[in-house]
């Protein structure tokens, strides 16, 4: 399974099992999670190609997930 087919958590667990250091892989896992959440949000909107949809997806992510550090 490629990295694009894994959830961010699956990817993180896989790399932890390989012995990679947590601090070096967390930033990539967070970016991957953001992209996956944004993509899922856009998929649920009727017109995902509109700029407003992209703006709303970013706003949704920032309001819901950027509060968790």
C-alpha atoms as a PDB file:
ATOM      1  CA  UNK A   1       0.000   0.000   0.000  1.00  0.00           C
ATOM      2  CA  UNK A   2       1.428   3.400  -0.947  1.00  0.00           C
ATOM      3  CA  UNK A   3       1.626   6.333   1.470  1.00  0.00           C
ATOM      4  CA  UNK A   4      -1.249   8.018  -0.376  1.00  0.00           C
ATOM      5  CA  UNK A   5      -3.513   5.044   0.379  1.00  0.00           C
ATOM      6  CA  UNK A   6      -2.796   5.065   4.119  1.00  0.00           C
ATOM      7  CA  UNK A   7      -4.404   7.269   6.710  1.00  0.00           C
ATOM      8  CA  UNK A   8      -2.033   9.612   8.500  1.00  0.00           C
ATOM      9  CA  UNK A   9      -2.304   7.470  11.635  1.00  0.00           C
ATOM     10  CA  UNK A  10      -1.571   4.256   9.706  1.00  0.00           C
ATOM     11  CA  UNK A  11       1.438   5.927   8.110  1.00  0.00           C
ATOM     12  CA  UNK A  12       2.691   7.161  11.498  1.00  0.00           C
ATOM     13  CA  UNK A  13       2.289   3.762  13.171  1.00  0.00           C
ATOM     14  CA  UNK A  14       4.045   2.044  10.259  1.00  0.00           C
ATOM     15  CA  UNK A  15       7.047   4.352  10.530  1.00  0.00           C
ATOM     16  CA  UNK A  16       7.163   4.052  14.312  1.00  0.00           C
ATOM     17  CA  UNK A  17       7.273   0.272  13.941  1.00  0.00           C
ATOM     18  CA  UNK A  18      10.234   0.724  11.603  1.00  0.00           C
ATOM     19  CA  UNK A  19      12.049   2.484  14.441  1.00  0.00           C
ATOM     20  CA  UNK A  20      11.968   5.993  13.034  1.00  0.00           C
ATOM     21  CA  UNK A  21      12.176   8.811  15.545  1.00  0.00           C
ATOM     22  CA  UNK A  22       8.806  10.321  16.412  1.00  0.00           C
ATOM     23  CA  UNK A  23       9.926  13.955  16.238  1.00  0.00           C
ATOM     24  CA  UNK A  24      11.199  13.535  12.691  1.00  0.00           C
ATOM     25  CA  UNK A  25       8.006  12.009  11.302  1.00  0.00           C
ATOM     26  CA  UNK A  26       5.272  13.917  13.152  1.00  0.00           C
ATOM     27  CA  UNK A  27       5.388  16.996  10.854  1.00  0.00           C
ATOM     28  CA  UNK A  28       4.832  14.840   7.769  1.00  0.00           C
ATOM     29  CA  UNK A  29       2.021  12.910   9.472  1.00  0.00           C
ATOM     30  CA  UNK A  30       0.303  16.178  10.467  1.00  0.00           C
ATOM     31  CA  UNK A  31       0.556  17.531   6.916  1.00  0.00           C
ATOM     32  CA  UNK A  32      -0.767  14.231   5.559  1.00  0.00           C
ATOM     33  CA  UNK A  33      -3.709  14.360   7.982  1.00  0.00           C
ATOM     34  CA  UNK A  34      -4.518  17.952   7.007  1.00  0.00           C
ATOM     35  CA  UNK A  35      -4.507  17.026   3.315  1.00  0.00           C
ATOM     36  CA  UNK A  36      -6.736  14.007   3.933  1.00  0.00           C
ATOM     37  CA  UNK A  37      -9.254  15.986   5.989  1.00  0.00           C
ATOM     38  CA  UNK A  38      -9.318  18.807   3.455  1.00  0.00           C
ATOM     39  CA  UNK A  39      -9.810  16.347   0.577  1.00  0.00           C
ATOM     40  CA  UNK A  40     -12.628  14.582   2.411  1.00  0.00           C
ATOM     41  CA  UNK A  41     -14.354  17.875   3.110  1.00  0.00           C
ATOM     42  CA  UNK A  42     -14.057  18.944  -0.524  1.00  0.00           C
ATOM     43  CA  UNK A  43     -15.414  15.623  -1.751  1.00  0.00           C
ATOM     44  CA  UNK A  44     -18.581  16.215   0.254  1.00  0.00           C
ATOM     45  CA  UNK A  45     -19.240  19.578  -1.362  1.00  0.00           C
ATOM     46  CA  UNK A  46     -21.237  19.641  -4.578  1.00  0.00           C
ATOM     47  CA  UNK A  47     -18.798  21.888  -6.470  1.00  0.00           C
ATOM     48  CA  UNK A  48     -15.288  21.095  -5.179  1.00  0.00           C
ATOM     49  CA  UNK A  49     -13.563  23.052  -7.948  1.00  0.00           C
ATOM     50  CA  UNK A  50     -14.857  26.403  -6.822  1.00  0.00           C
ATOM     51  CA  UNK A  51     -12.448  28.609  -4.928  1.00  0.00           C
ATOM     52  CA  UNK A  52     -14.985  29.104  -2.151  1.00  0.00           C
ATOM     53  CA  UNK A  53     -15.030  25.376  -1.469  1.00  0.00           C
ATOM     54  CA  UNK A  54     -11.262  25.345  -1.035  1.00  0.00           C
ATOM     55  CA  UNK A  55     -11.467  28.348   1.266  1.00  0.00           C
ATOM     56  CA  UNK A  56     -14.200  26.671   3.317  1.00  0.00           C
ATOM     57  CA  UNK A  57     -12.173  23.451   3.598  1.00  0.00           C
ATOM     58  CA  UNK A  58      -9.154  25.353   4.892  1.00  0.00           C
ATOM     59  CA  UNK A  59     -11.349  27.306   7.312  1.00  0.00           C
ATOM     60  CA  UNK A  60     -12.991  24.096   8.539  1.00  0.00           C
ATOM     61  CA  UNK A  61      -9.618  22.471   9.137  1.00  0.00           C
ATOM     62  CA  UNK A  62      -8.250  25.522  10.935  1.00  0.00           C
ATOM     63  CA  UNK A  63     -11.309  25.901  13.175  1.00  0.00           C
ATOM     64  CA  UNK A  64     -11.568  22.217  14.108  1.00  0.00           C
ATOM     65  CA  UNK A  65      -8.032  20.863  14.044  1.00  0.00           C
ATOM     66  CA  UNK A  66      -5.610  23.762  14.485  1.00  0.00           C
ATOM     67  CA  UNK A  67      -6.750  24.122  18.088  1.00  0.00           C
ATOM     68  CA  UNK A  68      -5.114  20.743  18.832  1.00  0.00           C
ATOM     69  CA  UNK A  69      -1.350  21.126  19.169  1.00  0.00           C
END
